[in-house]
Protein backbone atom coordinates (compact mmCIF):
# COMPACT_ATOMS: atom_id res chain seq x y z
CA UNK A 1 0.00 0.00 0.00
CA UNK A 2 1.50 3.32 -1.07
CA UNK A 3 0.59 6.48 0.82
CA UNK A 4 -1.00 9.41 -1.06
CA UNK A 5 2.19 11.40 -0.42
CA UNK A 6 5.59 10.87 1.12
CA UNK A 7 5.50 11.10 4.92
CA UNK A 8 8.38 11.68 7.30
CA UNK A 9 9.41 9.18 9.94
CA UNK A 10 8.35 11.68 12.59
CA UNK A 11 4.87 12.01 11.07
CA UNK A 12 4.35 8.24 11.04
CA UNK A 13 5.62 7.92 14.62
CA UNK A 14 3.10 10.57 15.69
CA UNK A 15 0.19 8.71 14.04
CA UNK A 16 0.89 5.54 16.04
CA UNK A 17 2.40 7.18 19.15
CA UNK A 18 5.71 5.34 18.94
CA UNK A 19 9.39 6.14 19.42
CA UNK A 20 11.65 6.13 16.39
CA UNK A 21 15.30 5.55 15.52
CA UNK A 22 16.65 7.51 12.58
CA UNK A 23 16.46 10.96 11.03
CA UNK A 24 13.03 12.48 11.72
CA UNK A 25 12.81 13.52 8.06
CA UNK A 26 13.48 9.98 6.81
CA UNK A 27 11.01 9.42 3.90
CA UNK A 28 8.23 6.83 4.26
CA UNK A 29 6.35 5.91 1.08
CA UNK A 30 4.02 3.12 2.16
CA UNK A 31 3.49 -0.07 4.18
CA UNK A 32 3.52 -3.73 3.21
CA UNK A 33 3.84 -7.30 4.41
CA UNK A 34 7.30 -8.78 4.28
CA UNK A 35 6.77 -10.83 1.09
CA UNK A 36 5.87 -7.73 -0.96
CA UNK A 37 7.83 -4.90 0.67
CA UNK A 38 9.72 -2.38 -1.42
CA UNK A 39 12.15 0.41 -0.59
CA UNK A 40 10.36 3.15 1.31
CA UNK A 41 7.86 0.74 2.91
CA UNK A 42 7.15 -0.03 6.56
CA UNK A 43 7.16 -3.68 7.58
CA UNK A 44 6.15 -4.90 11.04
CA UNK A 45 7.73 -7.64 13.15
CA UNK A 46 6.78 -8.71 16.68
CA UNK A 47 8.70 -11.94 17.27
CA UNK A 48 12.48 -12.36 17.73
CA UNK A 49 12.42 -15.32 15.33
CA UNK A 50 11.69 -12.93 12.46
CA UNK A 51 13.74 -9.86 13.49
CA UNK A 52 16.61 -10.58 11.10
CA UNK A 53 14.30 -11.32 8.18
CA UNK A 54 12.49 -8.00 8.66
CA UNK A 55 15.65 -5.96 9.25
CA UNK A 56 17.30 -7.44 6.16
CA UNK A 57 14.23 -7.14 3.93
CA UNK A 58 13.75 -4.50 1.26
CA UNK A 59 11.70 -2.43 3.71
CA UNK A 60 13.47 0.72 4.82
CA UNK A 61 11.35 1.24 7.95
CA UNK A 62 10.87 -1.57 10.46
CA UNK A 63 8.06 -1.38 13.02
CA UNK A 64 9.46 -3.53 15.83
CA UNK A 65 8.84 -4.25 19.52
CA UNK A 66 12.45 -3.92 20.65
CA UNK A 67 15.12 -1.29 20.09
CA UNK A 68 17.82 -3.09 18.12
CA UNK A 69 20.79 -1.95 16.07
CA UNK A 70 19.39 -0.17 13.04
CA UNK A 71 20.85 -1.30 9.70
CA UNK A 72 22.46 1.36 7.58
CA UNK A 73 20.01 3.17 5.31
CA UNK A 74 16.98 2.14 7.38
CA UNK A 75 14.92 3.51 10.25
CA UNK A 76 13.01 1.95 13.15
CA UNK A 77 9.62 2.57 14.71
CA UNK A 78 9.77 1.12 18.22
CA UNK A 79 6.39 -0.01 19.57
CA UNK A 80 5.18 -2.21 22.43
CA UNK A 81 2.68 -3.76 19.97
CA UNK A 82 3.64 -3.58 16.25
CA UNK A 83 0.55 -5.59 15.19
CA UNK A 84 -1.76 -3.04 16.82
CA UNK A 85 0.14 -0.11 15.35
CA UNK A 86 0.22 -1.60 11.85
CA UNK A 87 -3.57 -1.69 12.12
CA UNK A 88 -3.57 1.96 13.22
CA UNK A 89 -1.74 2.87 10.02
CA UNK A 90 -4.21 0.90 7.90
CA UNK A 91 -7.13 2.68 9.57
CA UNK A 92 -5.44 6.04 9.02
CA UNK A 93 -4.59 5.59 5.35
CA UNK A 94 -7.45 3.29 4.26
CA UNK A 95 -10.40 4.16 6.50
CA UNK A 96 -13.72 2.40 6.01
CA UNK A 97 -16.11 4.31 3.72
CA UNK A 98 -19.83 3.77 4.07
CA UNK A 99 -21.76 3.01 0.86
CA UNK A 100 -24.68 5.22 -0.12
CA UNK A 101 -25.93 3.31 -3.15
CA UNK A 102 -25.70 -0.06 -4.89
CA UNK A 103 -23.31 1.41 -7.43
CA UNK A 104 -21.02 4.03 -5.93
CA UNK A 105 -20.82 7.42 -7.62
CA UNK A 106 -17.02 7.17 -7.35
CA UNK A 107 -16.91 3.89 -9.31
CA UNK A 108 -15.51 4.07 -12.85
CA UNK A 109 -17.37 1.79 -15.27
CA UNK A 110 -16.21 1.35 -18.86
CA UNK A 111 -18.20 1.60 -22.07
CA UNK A 112 -20.36 -1.42 -22.86
CA UNK A 113 -20.19 -2.89 -19.37
CA UNK A 114 -23.45 -4.31 -17.99
CA UNK A 115 -24.22 -4.24 -14.27
CA UNK A 116 -27.17 -6.54 -13.61
CA UNK A 117 -29.80 -5.68 -10.94
CA UNK A 118 -28.80 -6.45 -7.37
CA UNK A 119 -25.05 -6.16 -7.88
CA UNK A 120 -23.06 -3.98 -5.47
CA UNK A 121 -20.15 -1.89 -6.74
CA UNK A 122 -18.21 -0.18 -3.96
CA UNK A 123 -16.34 3.08 -3.64
CA UNK A 124 -13.47 3.79 -6.07
CA UNK A 125 -13.95 0.52 -7.98
CA UNK A 126 -12.67 0.53 -11.57
CA UNK A 127 -14.32 -1.74 -14.17
CA UNK A 128 -13.17 -1.81 -17.80
CA UNK A 129 -15.05 -2.12 -21.07
CA UNK A 130 -17.53 -4.80 -22.15
CA UNK A 131 -17.77 -6.59 -18.81
CA UNK A 132 -20.83 -8.39 -17.45
CA UNK A 133 -21.43 -8.25 -13.69
CA UNK A 134 -24.30 -10.62 -12.86
CA UNK A 135 -26.94 -10.25 -10.09
CA UNK A 136 -25.83 -10.18 -6.45
CA UNK A 137 -22.13 -9.89 -7.25
CA UNK A 138 -20.42 -7.84 -4.53
CA UNK A 139 -17.32 -5.85 -5.43
CA UNK A 140 -15.80 -4.13 -2.41
CA UNK A 141 -14.09 -0.75 -2.39
CA UNK A 142 -11.02 -0.16 -4.52
CA UNK A 143 -11.10 -3.33 -6.64
CA UNK A 144 -9.83 -3.06 -10.23
CA UNK A 145 -11.28 -5.09 -13.14
CA UNK A 146 -10.04 -5.09 -16.73
CA UNK A 147 -11.90 -5.40 -20.04
CA UNK A 148 -14.13 -8.28 -21.19
CA UNK A 149 -14.50 -9.78 -17.72
CA UNK A 150 -17.54 -11.85 -16.72
CA UNK A 151 -18.40 -12.33 -13.03
CA UNK A 152 -21.32 -14.62 -12.21
CA UNK A 153 -23.96 -14.33 -9.51
CA UNK A 154 -23.13 -14.19 -5.80
CA UNK A 155 -19.38 -13.88 -6.21
CA UNK A 156 -17.71 -11.67 -3.58
CA UNK A 157 -14.57 -9.78 -4.48
CA UNK A 158 -12.46 -7.86 -1.96
CA UNK A 159 -13.55 -9.33 1.39
CA UNK A 160 -11.02 -9.16 4.23
CA UNK A 161 -7.99 -11.39 4.53
CA UNK A 162 -8.20 -14.32 6.96
CA UNK A 163 -5.32 -13.12 9.16
CA UNK A 164 -5.45 -13.07 12.98
CA UNK A 165 -3.13 -12.81 15.97
CA UNK A 166 -3.93 -15.12 18.87
CA UNK A 167 -4.11 -13.06 22.06
CA UNK A 168 -5.17 -14.19 25.56
CA UNK A 169 -8.51 -12.41 25.19
CA UNK A 170 -9.18 -13.85 21.70
CA UNK A 171 -8.21 -13.49 18.06
CA UNK A 172 -7.14 -10.01 16.93
CA UNK A 173 -7.72 -9.24 13.27
CA UNK A 174 -5.08 -7.76 10.97
CA UNK A 175 -6.97 -5.16 8.98
CA UNK A 176 -6.96 -5.41 5.19
CA UNK A 177 -5.94 -2.31 3.27
CA UNK A 178 -5.04 -3.97 -0.03
CA UNK A 179 -7.14 -4.65 -3.09
CA UNK A 180 -8.10 -7.17 -5.80
CA UNK A 181 -6.96 -6.83 -9.42
CA UNK A 182 -8.68 -8.84 -12.15
CA UNK A 183 -7.00 -8.44 -15.54
CA UNK A 184 -8.77 -8.57 -18.91
CA UNK A 185 -10.54 -11.59 -20.43
CA UNK A 186 -11.05 -13.36 -17.11
CA UNK A 187 -14.22 -15.36 -16.35
CA UNK A 188 -15.24 -15.93 -12.73
CA UNK A 189 -18.02 -18.38 -11.88
CA UNK A 190 -20.86 -18.15 -9.38
CA UNK A 191 -20.34 -17.94 -5.61
CA UNK A 192 -16.57 -17.47 -5.70
CA UNK A 193 -14.75 -15.51 -2.98
CA UNK A 194 -11.62 -13.53 -3.74
CA UNK A 195 -10.11 -11.85 -0.67
CA UNK A 196 -8.27 -8.55 -0.88
CA UNK A 197 -4.59 -8.28 -0.06
CA UNK A 198 -3.56 -7.21 3.42
CA UNK A 199 -1.53 -4.33 2.00
CA UNK A 200 -0.97 -5.32 -1.65
CA UNK A 201 -3.17 -6.90 -4.33
CA UNK A 202 -4.71 -10.32 -4.81
CA UNK A 203 -4.35 -10.71 -8.57
CA UNK A 204 -5.88 -12.86 -11.30
CA UNK A 205 -4.05 -12.32 -14.57
CA UNK A 206 -5.26 -12.12 -18.13
CA UNK A 207 -7.23 -14.96 -19.65
CA UNK A 208 -7.67 -17.12 -16.56
CA UNK A 209 -10.97 -18.95 -16.02
CA UNK A 210 -12.50 -19.83 -12.65
CA UNK A 211 -15.39 -22.25 -12.13
CA UNK A 212 -18.02 -21.89 -9.37
CA UNK A 213 -17.40 -21.90 -5.61
CA UNK A 214 -13.67 -21.19 -5.52
CA UNK A 215 -11.83 -19.51 -2.62
CA UNK A 216 -8.79 -17.34 -3.37
CA UNK A 217 -6.90 -16.11 -0.30
CA UNK A 218 -5.28 -12.75 0.34
CA UNK A 219 -2.27 -11.61 -1.73
CA UNK A 220 -2.39 -14.70 -3.95
CA UNK A 221 -1.32 -14.20 -7.56
CA UNK A 222 -2.89 -16.39 -10.25
CA UNK A 223 -1.04 -16.24 -13.57
CA UNK A 224 -2.23 -15.95 -17.15
CA UNK A 225 -4.49 -18.55 -18.81
CA UNK A 226 -4.97 -20.67 -15.71
CA UNK A 227 -7.94 -23.04 -15.47
CA UNK A 228 -9.41 -23.63 -12.01
CA UNK A 229 -12.29 -26.04 -11.39
CA UNK A 230 -15.01 -25.96 -8.73
CA UNK A 231 -14.35 -26.18 -4.97
CA UNK A 232 -10.66 -25.31 -5.17
CA UNK A 233 -9.37 -23.60 -2.02
CA UNK A 234 -6.25 -21.44 -2.33
CA UNK A 235 -4.74 -19.96 0.84
CA UNK A 236 -3.04 -16.57 1.12
CA UNK A 237 0.25 -15.53 -0.49
CA UNK A 238 0.26 -18.34 -3.07
CA UNK A 239 1.89 -17.81 -6.48
CA UNK A 240 0.31 -19.78 -9.31
CA UNK A 241 2.31 -19.30 -12.48
CA UNK A 242 0.90 -19.14 -16.03
CA UNK A 243 -1.20 -21.90 -17.64
CA UNK A 244 -1.66 -23.98 -14.49
CA UNK A 245 -4.69 -26.29 -14.27
CA UNK A 246 -6.28 -27.03 -10.88
CA UNK A 247 -9.06 -29.63 -10.92
CA UNK A 248 -11.92 -29.92 -8.42
CA UNK A 249 -11.37 -29.75 -4.66
CA UNK A 250 -7.65 -29.05 -4.82
CA UNK A 251 -6.43 -27.43 -1.60
CA UNK A 252 -3.28 -25.29 -1.49
CA UNK A 253 -1.45 -24.20 1.67
CA UNK A 254 -0.24 -20.60 2.07
CA UNK A 255 3.03 -19.24 0.74
CA UNK A 256 3.83 -21.84 -1.93
CA UNK A 257 4.49 -21.54 -5.67
CA UNK A 258 2.93 -23.72 -8.37
CA UNK A 259 5.15 -23.75 -11.48
CA UNK A 260 4.08 -22.90 -15.02
CA UNK A 261 1.88 -25.45 -16.81
CA UNK A 262 1.55 -27.73 -13.79
CA UNK A 263 -1.61 -29.86 -13.67
CA UNK A 264 -3.01 -30.76 -10.25
CA UNK A 265 -5.62 -33.50 -10.27
CA UNK A 266 -8.84 -33.50 -8.23
CA UNK A 267 -8.75 -33.68 -4.41
CA UNK A 268 -5.01 -33.12 -4.25
CA UNK A 269 -3.55 -31.39 -1.17
CA UNK A 270 -0.61 -29.11 -1.91
CA UNK A 271 1.66 -28.60 1.12
CA UNK A 272 4.83 -27.39 -0.62
CA UNK A 273 5.92 -25.66 -3.82
CA UNK A 274 5.62 -27.73 -7.00
CA UNK A 275 7.67 -27.61 -10.22
CA UNK A 276 5.97 -26.64 -13.43
CA UNK A 277 5.26 -28.86 -16.38
CA UNK A 278 4.26 -31.92 -14.32
CA UNK A 279 1.01 -33.58 -13.23
CA UNK A 280 0.36 -34.08 -9.49
CA UNK A 281 -2.06 -36.10 -7.40
CA UNK A 282 -2.68 -37.07 -3.76
CA UNK A 283 -2.23 -35.54 -0.33
CA UNK A 284 0.50 -34.56 0.09
CA UNK A 285 0.86 -33.94 -3.64
CA UNK A 286 3.29 -36.09 -5.61
CA UNK A 287 3.82 -36.70 -9.30
CA UNK A 288 0.64 -38.45 -10.39
CA UNK A 289 2.24 -41.47 -12.05
CA UNK A 290 4.37 -42.24 -8.97
CA UNK A 291 1.40 -41.75 -6.66
CA UNK A 292 -0.79 -44.11 -8.68
CA UNK A 293 1.97 -46.75 -8.62
CA UNK A 294 2.09 -46.45 -4.82
CA UNK A 295 -1.68 -46.88 -4.58
CA UNK A 296 -1.56 -49.94 -6.82
CA UNK A 297 1.22 -51.41 -4.64
CA UNK A 298 -0.81 -50.89 -1.48
CA UNK A 299 -3.74 -52.79 -3.00
CA UNK A 300 -1.42 -55.74 -3.60
CA UNK A 301 -0.37 -56.07 0.06
CA UNK A 302 -3.24 -58.40 1.16
CA UNK A 303 -2.51 -60.74 -1.75
CA UNK A 304 1.22 -60.78 -0.93
CA UNK A 305 0.53 -61.48 2.76
CA UNK A 306 -1.82 -64.34 1.84
CA UNK A 307 0.87 -65.91 -0.32
CA UNK A 308 3.42 -65.60 2.48
CA UNK A 309 1.07 -67.35 4.93
CA UNK A 310 0.61 -70.27 2.50
CA UNK A 311 4.37 -70.66 2.19
């Protein structure tokens, strides 16, 4: 998430009420999670296990719960609760805006696009040319849709990320200030849910096709010309490269990469990154041919044991 203008380190520290280490005029351009940070961004870290990763990341401002040695060229925001203060920044720069109509006056809708009755188009949404948005589709604030996109009934785009911190009093939600980007020539089936990024964008690239009842988690990137069948569940921060096929009921854990032109057969559970150009099956996923051989071998065990008893 980039800020509307460059802020100083001192200004940011004042918003969240924290101490800081570094020049008070140090420029701050935005805020992001560690996997998408860029120079000028704030990243937060609240566990010693991840201090080094945050301090050595591309982020130039680290919101941290301990005063540590500040790397050269960076600055620190020292807070007793970085998670809470990251949420404060999201609230400040991306506050909730109440809707006043089914199609917001601030939405930009391209020539030839049809919005069917009952659809909701939120504030600052951008929709390209010649799209069809079917009844009861909900597109939350700030989502961006390209040209020639079809979205079928009851799909929800831009709901919050499923991201919580476990505290003694209960689960504390990390607020979502990111967006969803759907590129041109994408088809999305009925009753799909595509969550917004926490600070960046959940993205579906040009030419991909999604069946009905698919879940796409926050900050996931789906490449070009992918084909995804019904009941697939994709967790957050997944990278699916171009021309991947996911058949029905595939489940993918967070933070993994599926290589270009991989095919994942139905009911497969993906628990680690997979190379492209291969076909996978099973849970955990393995190359399909090897997995089927294993299953055939298992079926032979009773027969083998019977033969051994006779001998």
